[in-house]
């Protein structure tokens, strides 16, 4: 009976929740792969540089 239940679970459709979206976005795609931490770090560095430029070279 345990085998029958496990095979039913494998064939069952995924619930309409974030689990299905997570599975969709885990698929391999072409293009550049960058970690989110790197993107946030670059954005923070750009903001910091622009603030420093404003302080050093006031308009």
C-alpha atoms as a PDB file:
ATOM      1  CA  UNK A   1       0.000   0.000   0.000  1.00  0.00           C
ATOM      2  CA  UNK A   2       2.938   2.321   0.613  1.00  0.00           C
ATOM      3  CA  UNK A   3       4.128   1.843  -2.966  1.00  0.00           C
ATOM      4  CA  UNK A   4       0.763   2.777  -4.383  1.00  0.00           C
ATOM      5  CA  UNK A   5       0.618   5.965  -2.357  1.00  0.00           C
ATOM      6  CA  UNK A   6       4.145   7.031  -3.307  1.00  0.00           C
ATOM      7  CA  UNK A   7       3.478   6.541  -7.026  1.00  0.00           C
ATOM      8  CA  UNK A   8       0.339   8.664  -6.753  1.00  0.00           C
ATOM      9  CA  UNK A   9       2.313  11.445  -5.109  1.00  0.00           C
ATOM     10  CA  UNK A  10       4.891  11.468  -7.921  1.00  0.00           C
ATOM     11  CA  UNK A  11       2.230  11.861 -10.600  1.00  0.00           C
ATOM     12  CA  UNK A  12       0.197  14.465  -8.708  1.00  0.00           C
ATOM     13  CA  UNK A  13       0.337  18.004 -10.114  1.00  0.00           C
ATOM     14  CA  UNK A  14       2.132  20.653  -8.104  1.00  0.00           C
ATOM     15  CA  UNK A  15      -0.021  22.982  -6.035  1.00  0.00           C
ATOM     16  CA  UNK A  16      -0.450  26.542  -7.291  1.00  0.00           C
ATOM     17  CA  UNK A  17       2.038  28.063  -4.886  1.00  0.00           C
ATOM     18  CA  UNK A  18       5.582  29.335  -4.880  1.00  0.00           C
ATOM     19  CA  UNK A  19       6.870  25.749  -5.076  1.00  0.00           C
ATOM     20  CA  UNK A  20       5.917  25.564  -8.741  1.00  0.00           C
ATOM     21  CA  UNK A  21       7.573  28.906  -9.476  1.00  0.00           C
ATOM     22  CA  UNK A  22      10.747  27.860  -7.691  1.00  0.00           C
ATOM     23  CA  UNK A  23      10.908  24.696  -9.733  1.00  0.00           C
ATOM     24  CA  UNK A  24      10.373  26.696 -12.931  1.00  0.00           C
ATOM     25  CA  UNK A  25      13.188  29.140 -12.226  1.00  0.00           C
ATOM     26  CA  UNK A  26      15.648  26.394 -11.302  1.00  0.00           C
ATOM     27  CA  UNK A  27      15.736  25.220 -14.932  1.00  0.00           C
ATOM     28  CA  UNK A  28      18.963  25.904 -16.759  1.00  0.00           C
ATOM     29  CA  UNK A  29      18.837  28.887 -19.080  1.00  0.00           C
ATOM     30  CA  UNK A  30      21.371  30.470 -21.363  1.00  0.00           C
ATOM     31  CA  UNK A  31      23.053  33.736 -20.462  1.00  0.00           C
ATOM     32  CA  UNK A  32      25.190  35.246 -17.756  1.00  0.00           C
ATOM     33  CA  UNK A  33      24.600  33.868 -14.271  1.00  0.00           C
ATOM     34  CA  UNK A  34      25.301  36.347 -11.464  1.00  0.00           C
ATOM     35  CA  UNK A  35      24.575  35.839  -7.788  1.00  0.00           C
ATOM     36  CA  UNK A  36      22.131  38.332  -6.251  1.00  0.00           C
ATOM     37  CA  UNK A  37      24.744  39.303  -3.654  1.00  0.00           C
ATOM     38  CA  UNK A  38      27.074  40.488  -6.407  1.00  0.00           C
ATOM     39  CA  UNK A  39      24.337  42.583  -8.026  1.00  0.00           C
ATOM     40  CA  UNK A  40      23.493  44.207  -4.681  1.00  0.00           C
ATOM     41  CA  UNK A  41      27.179  44.813  -3.979  1.00  0.00           C
ATOM     42  CA  UNK A  42      27.718  46.521  -7.330  1.00  0.00           C
ATOM     43  CA  UNK A  43      24.602  48.655  -6.830  1.00  0.00           C
ATOM     44  CA  UNK A  44      25.779  49.658  -3.346  1.00  0.00           C
ATOM     45  CA  UNK A  45      29.244  50.488  -4.653  1.00  0.00           C
ATOM     46  CA  UNK A  46      27.790  52.679  -7.396  1.00  0.00           C
ATOM     47  CA  UNK A  47      25.646  54.540  -4.855  1.00  0.00           C
ATOM     48  CA  UNK A  48      28.662  54.993  -2.571  1.00  0.00           C
ATOM     49  CA  UNK A  49      30.844  56.255  -5.413  1.00  0.00           C
ATOM     50  CA  UNK A  50      28.205  58.747  -6.518  1.00  0.00           C
ATOM     51  CA  UNK A  51      27.855  60.074  -2.946  1.00  0.00           C
ATOM     52  CA  UNK A  52      31.631  60.432  -2.620  1.00  0.00           C
ATOM     53  CA  UNK A  53      31.818  62.279  -5.957  1.00  0.00           C
ATOM     54  CA  UNK A  54      29.071  64.674  -4.767  1.00  0.00           C
ATOM     55  CA  UNK A  55      31.022  65.375  -1.555  1.00  0.00           C
ATOM     56  CA  UNK A  56      34.432  65.800  -3.214  1.00  0.00           C
ATOM     57  CA  UNK A  57      33.198  67.800  -6.227  1.00  0.00           C
ATOM     58  CA  UNK A  58      30.215  69.878  -5.073  1.00  0.00           C
ATOM     59  CA  UNK A  59      28.342  71.582  -7.858  1.00  0.00           C
END
